[in-house]
Each structure stands twice: as C-alpha cells, then as structure tokens.
N, C-alpha and C. Protein backbone atom coordinates (compact mmCIF):
# COMPACT_ATOMS: atom_id res chain seq x y z
N UNK A 1 1.23 -0.98 0.01
CA UNK A 1 -0.04 0.02 0.08
C UNK A 1 0.84 1.14 0.00
N UNK A 2 0.36 2.18 -0.82
CA UNK A 2 1.11 3.42 -0.62
C UNK A 2 0.42 4.74 -0.55
N UNK A 3 1.33 5.70 -0.01
CA UNK A 3 0.61 6.48 0.69
C UNK A 3 0.12 7.60 -0.55
N UNK A 4 -1.00 8.77 -0.25
CA UNK A 4 -1.21 9.27 -1.00
C UNK A 4 -0.23 10.31 -2.03
N UNK A 5 0.54 10.82 -1.11
CA UNK A 5 1.53 11.96 -1.61
C UNK A 5 2.78 11.05 -2.48
N UNK A 6 3.00 9.50 -2.27
CA UNK A 6 3.74 8.71 -3.01
C UNK A 6 3.22 8.79 -4.55
N UNK A 7 1.73 8.57 -4.45
CA UNK A 7 0.84 8.50 -5.96
C UNK A 7 1.38 9.80 -6.39
N UNK A 8 1.05 11.30 -5.72
CA UNK A 8 0.74 12.41 -6.39
C UNK A 8 2.50 12.40 -6.57
N UNK A 9 3.56 12.40 -6.21
CA UNK A 9 4.64 12.56 -6.69
C UNK A 9 5.33 11.81 -7.56
N UNK A 10 4.31 10.33 -7.75
CA UNK A 10 4.73 9.42 -9.07
C UNK A 10 4.41 10.06 -10.15
N UNK A 11 3.23 10.67 -10.22
CA UNK A 11 2.56 11.08 -10.99
C UNK A 11 3.22 13.04 -11.27
N UNK A 12 3.69 13.46 -11.03
CA UNK A 12 4.47 14.57 -11.03
C UNK A 12 5.57 14.62 -11.95
N UNK A 13 6.44 13.15 -11.45
CA UNK A 13 7.31 13.32 -12.38
C UNK A 13 6.93 12.47 -13.68
N UNK A 14 5.92 11.42 -13.85
CA UNK A 14 5.73 11.16 -15.19
C UNK A 14 5.12 12.39 -16.32
N UNK A 15 4.40 13.09 -15.54
CA UNK A 15 3.64 14.37 -16.40
C UNK A 15 5.14 15.35 -16.68
N UNK A 16 6.15 15.39 -15.75
CA UNK A 16 7.06 16.10 -15.79
C UNK A 16 8.23 15.84 -17.02
N UNK A 17 7.69 14.82 -17.63
CA UNK A 17 8.75 14.17 -19.16
C UNK A 17 8.64 14.68 -19.97
N UNK A 18 9.17 14.93 -21.00
CA UNK A 18 9.59 15.36 -22.59
C UNK A 18 7.70 15.14 -22.98
N UNK A 19 7.12 16.06 -22.99
CA UNK A 19 5.69 16.13 -23.86
C UNK A 19 4.48 15.68 -22.78
N UNK A 20 4.96 15.70 -21.57
CA UNK A 20 4.16 15.30 -20.60
C UNK A 20 3.54 13.96 -20.78
N UNK A 21 2.28 13.27 -20.19
CA UNK A 21 1.89 12.04 -20.42
C UNK A 21 0.54 11.94 -20.45
N UNK A 22 0.03 11.25 -21.31
CA UNK A 22 -1.47 10.75 -21.68
C UNK A 22 -1.82 9.63 -20.40
N UNK A 23 -3.03 9.90 -20.20
CA UNK A 23 -3.71 8.62 -18.66
C UNK A 23 -3.36 7.52 -18.93
N UNK A 24 -3.03 6.80 -20.06
CA UNK A 24 -2.66 5.51 -20.33
C UNK A 24 -1.06 5.56 -19.67
N UNK A 25 -0.51 6.55 -19.90
CA UNK A 25 0.85 6.01 -19.42
C UNK A 25 1.51 6.45 -18.27
N UNK A 26 0.31 7.29 -17.42
CA UNK A 26 0.12 7.84 -16.14
C UNK A 26 -0.13 6.42 -15.27
N UNK A 27 -1.03 5.94 -15.90
CA UNK A 27 -1.50 4.72 -15.36
C UNK A 27 -0.46 3.79 -15.31
N UNK A 28 0.02 3.33 -16.26
CA UNK A 28 0.66 2.15 -16.17
C UNK A 28 2.32 2.60 -15.35
N UNK A 29 2.81 3.81 -15.74
CA UNK A 29 3.78 3.99 -15.10
C UNK A 29 3.68 4.13 -13.38
N UNK A 30 2.96 4.73 -13.19
CA UNK A 30 2.37 4.70 -11.89
C UNK A 30 1.94 3.80 -11.19
N UNK A 31 1.97 2.87 -11.65
CA UNK A 31 1.00 1.39 -11.36
C UNK A 31 -0.33 1.51 -10.57
N UNK A 32 -1.49 2.45 -11.38
CA UNK A 32 -2.63 2.61 -10.75
C UNK A 32 -3.45 1.81 -11.91
N UNK A 33 -5.09 2.47 -11.51
CA UNK A 33 -6.02 1.67 -13.00
C UNK A 33 -6.67 3.35 -12.91
N UNK A 34 -7.25 2.80 -14.54
CA UNK A 34 -8.21 3.88 -14.74
C UNK A 34 -9.44 4.54 -14.15
N UNK A 35 -9.62 3.89 -12.98
CA UNK A 35 -10.99 4.49 -12.12
C UNK A 35 -10.23 5.07 -11.29
N UNK A 36 -9.11 4.81 -10.76
CA UNK A 36 -8.44 5.35 -9.22
C UNK A 36 -7.39 6.63 -9.24
N UNK A 37 -7.20 6.97 -10.93
CA UNK A 37 -6.27 7.92 -11.06
C UNK A 37 -7.30 8.90 -11.18
N UNK A 38 -7.99 9.12 -11.34
CA UNK A 38 -9.11 10.23 -11.70
C UNK A 38 -8.92 11.32 -10.56
N UNK A 39 -9.20 10.68 -9.56
CA UNK A 39 -9.50 11.72 -7.95
C UNK A 39 -8.20 12.13 -7.90
N UNK A 40 -6.93 11.49 -8.17
CA UNK A 40 -5.51 11.94 -8.23
C UNK A 40 -5.29 13.46 -9.14
N UNK A 41 -5.52 12.85 -10.54
CA UNK A 41 -5.68 13.90 -11.28
C UNK A 41 -6.56 15.04 -11.55
N UNK A 42 -7.70 14.97 -10.89
CA UNK A 42 -8.29 16.30 -10.33
C UNK A 42 -7.86 16.99 -9.02
N UNK A 43 -7.22 16.22 -8.43
CA UNK A 43 -6.44 17.12 -7.02
C UNK A 43 -5.02 17.78 -7.55
N UNK A 44 -4.35 17.40 -8.69
CA UNK A 44 -3.34 17.97 -9.15
C UNK A 44 -3.61 19.29 -9.93
N UNK A 45 -4.35 18.90 -10.77
CA UNK A 45 -5.12 20.18 -11.66
C UNK A 45 -6.09 21.23 -10.57
N UNK A 46 -6.45 20.79 -9.95
CA UNK A 46 -7.36 21.94 -9.10
C UNK A 46 -6.53 22.81 -8.25
N UNK A 47 -5.50 21.80 -7.90
CA UNK A 47 -4.25 22.96 -7.04
C UNK A 47 -2.85 23.38 -7.88
N UNK A 48 -3.35 23.49 -9.15
CA UNK A 48 -2.28 23.99 -10.28
C UNK A 48 -0.83 23.30 -10.43
N UNK A 49 -0.97 21.81 -10.38
CA UNK A 49 0.36 21.42 -10.31
C UNK A 49 0.85 20.74 -11.67
N UNK A 50 -0.51 20.03 -12.07
CA UNK A 50 -0.57 19.85 -13.60
C UNK A 50 -1.52 20.47 -14.16
N UNK A 51 -1.20 20.36 -15.38
CA UNK A 51 -2.41 21.25 -16.91
C UNK A 51 -2.83 19.85 -17.40
N UNK A 52 -3.72 20.10 -18.22
CA UNK A 52 -4.18 19.18 -19.36
C UNK A 52 -4.42 19.78 -20.32
N UNK A 53 -3.96 19.27 -21.45
CA UNK A 53 -3.60 20.02 -22.38
C UNK A 53 -4.37 19.05 -23.28
N UNK A 54 -5.73 19.54 -24.14
CA UNK A 54 -6.53 19.10 -25.32
C UNK A 54 -6.07 19.43 -26.42
N UNK A 55 -4.67 18.58 -27.25
CA UNK A 55 -4.48 18.34 -28.18
C UNK A 55 -5.33 16.92 -28.86
N UNK A 56 -4.40 16.71 -29.37
CA UNK A 56 -5.42 15.57 -30.01
C UNK A 56 -6.06 14.25 -29.25
N UNK A 57 -5.08 14.09 -28.47
CA UNK A 57 -5.15 13.12 -27.26
C UNK A 57 -4.81 14.07 -26.00
N UNK A 58 -5.61 14.15 -24.95
CA UNK A 58 -5.52 14.78 -23.73
C UNK A 58 -4.24 14.30 -23.20
N UNK A 59 -3.42 15.16 -22.72
CA UNK A 59 -1.88 15.28 -22.25
C UNK A 59 -1.81 16.06 -20.88
N UNK A 60 -1.13 15.10 -19.79
CA UNK A 60 -1.04 15.94 -18.66
C UNK A 60 0.48 16.56 -18.75
N UNK A 61 0.53 17.49 -18.18
CA UNK A 61 1.90 18.40 -17.92
C UNK A 61 2.13 18.80 -16.55
N UNK A 62 3.39 18.35 -16.17
CA UNK A 62 3.56 19.54 -14.93
C UNK A 62 3.74 20.89 -14.93
N UNK A 63 2.82 21.37 -14.23
CA UNK A 63 3.45 22.96 -14.36
C UNK A 63 4.53 23.65 -13.94
N UNK A 64 4.80 24.90 -13.82
CA UNK A 64 6.06 25.26 -13.10
C UNK A 64 5.80 25.22 -11.44
N UNK A 65 4.69 24.89 -11.10
CA UNK A 65 4.32 25.16 -9.71
C UNK A 65 4.42 23.49 -9.11
N UNK A 66 4.12 22.54 -10.25
CA UNK A 66 4.40 21.11 -9.72
C UNK A 66 5.74 21.11 -10.01
N UNK A 67 6.50 21.57 -10.84
CA UNK A 67 8.18 21.53 -10.86
C UNK A 67 8.93 21.75 -9.59
N UNK A 68 8.35 23.27 -9.31
CA UNK A 68 8.73 23.50 -7.79
C UNK A 68 8.38 22.63 -6.80
N UNK A 69 7.46 21.42 -6.76
CA UNK A 69 7.01 20.97 -5.50
C UNK A 69 7.87 19.78 -5.82
N UNK A 70 8.46 19.18 -6.97
CA UNK A 70 9.50 17.88 -7.24
C UNK A 70 10.69 18.33 -6.87
N UNK A 71 11.16 19.50 -6.84
CA UNK A 71 12.21 20.23 -6.16
C UNK A 71 12.34 20.37 -4.55
N UNK A 72 11.33 20.60 -4.16
CA UNK A 72 11.41 20.56 -2.90
C UNK A 72 11.26 18.90 -2.44
N UNK A 73 10.30 18.55 -3.28
CA UNK A 73 10.56 16.86 -2.89
C UNK A 73 12.06 15.92 -2.69
N UNK A 74 12.58 16.45 -4.29
CA UNK A 74 13.87 16.17 -4.17
C UNK A 74 15.22 16.40 -2.69
N UNK A 75 15.04 17.65 -2.65
CA UNK A 75 15.61 17.88 -1.45
C UNK A 75 15.14 17.58 -0.26
N UNK A 76 14.29 17.33 0.02
CA UNK A 76 13.53 16.29 1.31
C UNK A 76 14.31 15.04 0.85
N UNK A 77 14.20 14.67 -0.30
CA UNK A 77 15.01 13.34 -0.49
C UNK A 77 16.32 12.98 0.13
N UNK A 78 17.07 14.53 -0.26
CA UNK A 78 18.55 14.40 -0.36
C UNK A 78 18.86 14.31 1.81
N UNK A 79 17.47 14.84 2.43
CA UNK A 79 17.83 15.39 3.70
C UNK A 79 17.69 13.92 4.18
N UNK A 80 16.79 13.04 3.78
CA UNK A 80 16.38 11.80 4.60
C UNK A 80 16.43 10.76 3.76
N UNK A 81 17.78 9.94 3.16
CA UNK A 81 18.00 9.18 2.13
C UNK A 81 17.26 7.91 2.61
N UNK A 82 16.80 7.69 3.83
CA UNK A 82 15.79 6.34 3.93
C UNK A 82 14.37 6.70 3.08
N UNK A 83 14.52 7.75 2.93
CA UNK A 83 12.95 7.86 2.37
C UNK A 83 13.01 7.11 1.00
N UNK A 84 13.89 6.51 0.74
CA UNK A 84 14.04 5.81 -0.79
C UNK A 84 13.15 6.29 -1.95
N UNK A 85 13.43 7.36 -1.36
CA UNK A 85 12.74 8.06 -3.21
C UNK A 85 11.29 8.13 -3.46
N UNK A 86 10.78 7.94 -2.43
CA UNK A 86 9.20 7.93 -1.93
C UNK A 86 8.69 8.56 -0.54
N UNK A 87 8.14 9.83 -1.12
CA UNK A 87 7.21 10.17 0.15
C UNK A 87 6.75 8.93 0.95
N UNK A 88 6.54 9.13 2.46
CA UNK A 88 5.71 8.81 3.23
C UNK A 88 6.66 6.90 3.44
N UNK A 89 7.44 6.53 2.77
CA UNK A 89 7.89 5.48 3.25
C UNK A 89 8.63 5.18 4.63
N UNK A 90 8.59 6.46 4.97
CA UNK A 90 8.85 6.03 6.89
C UNK A 90 7.54 5.58 7.55
N UNK A 91 6.69 6.21 7.18
CA UNK A 91 5.41 6.09 8.38
C UNK A 91 5.10 4.77 8.22
C-alpha cells in the first residue's frame, strides 16, 4: 500500500517528462488503474500542479508550480535518504 503523497509525486514525475503524458502512460507508469487515477489527476489539476492539454489526445503536463514541488521533494529526499525516493516510506 502506498501513501497518497507517493502516488502524487509519482504522477508529477511522469507528467514532467518531455511532452507530458497521457492517462494511459500515467496509469501504467504509476501502477494505478483508470478508475483510481481520476481523483489524483483532479487534485493535481485543481491545485495547479498539473495542466491538461487538450490537443489530439489529452496530455497532462507538470506546471512550473508542480516542478517547484518536485524540487522540494528531491531536497527532502537528499536530507532523508531513507525515504528511498518515495514520500511517506518511513511512515
């Protein structure tokens, strides 16, 4: 079982890739399913961390605010190496 913050960070990382990611890429990269990915995407979009690009196929991209959040997370990982790259691993 993963914590919500682990899943959100994982999604931000996938969407930060070149050109963003579509829902299928997010689902498979983050080991989610199409049903439970929706509330996470809604939360990230609502808080301005990810934006939805409605070109041919909807793509999701990490915003500058989301990139700042990822940088903060990486700094936290450097301070606490035991986190093993995922938020909440110590909890």
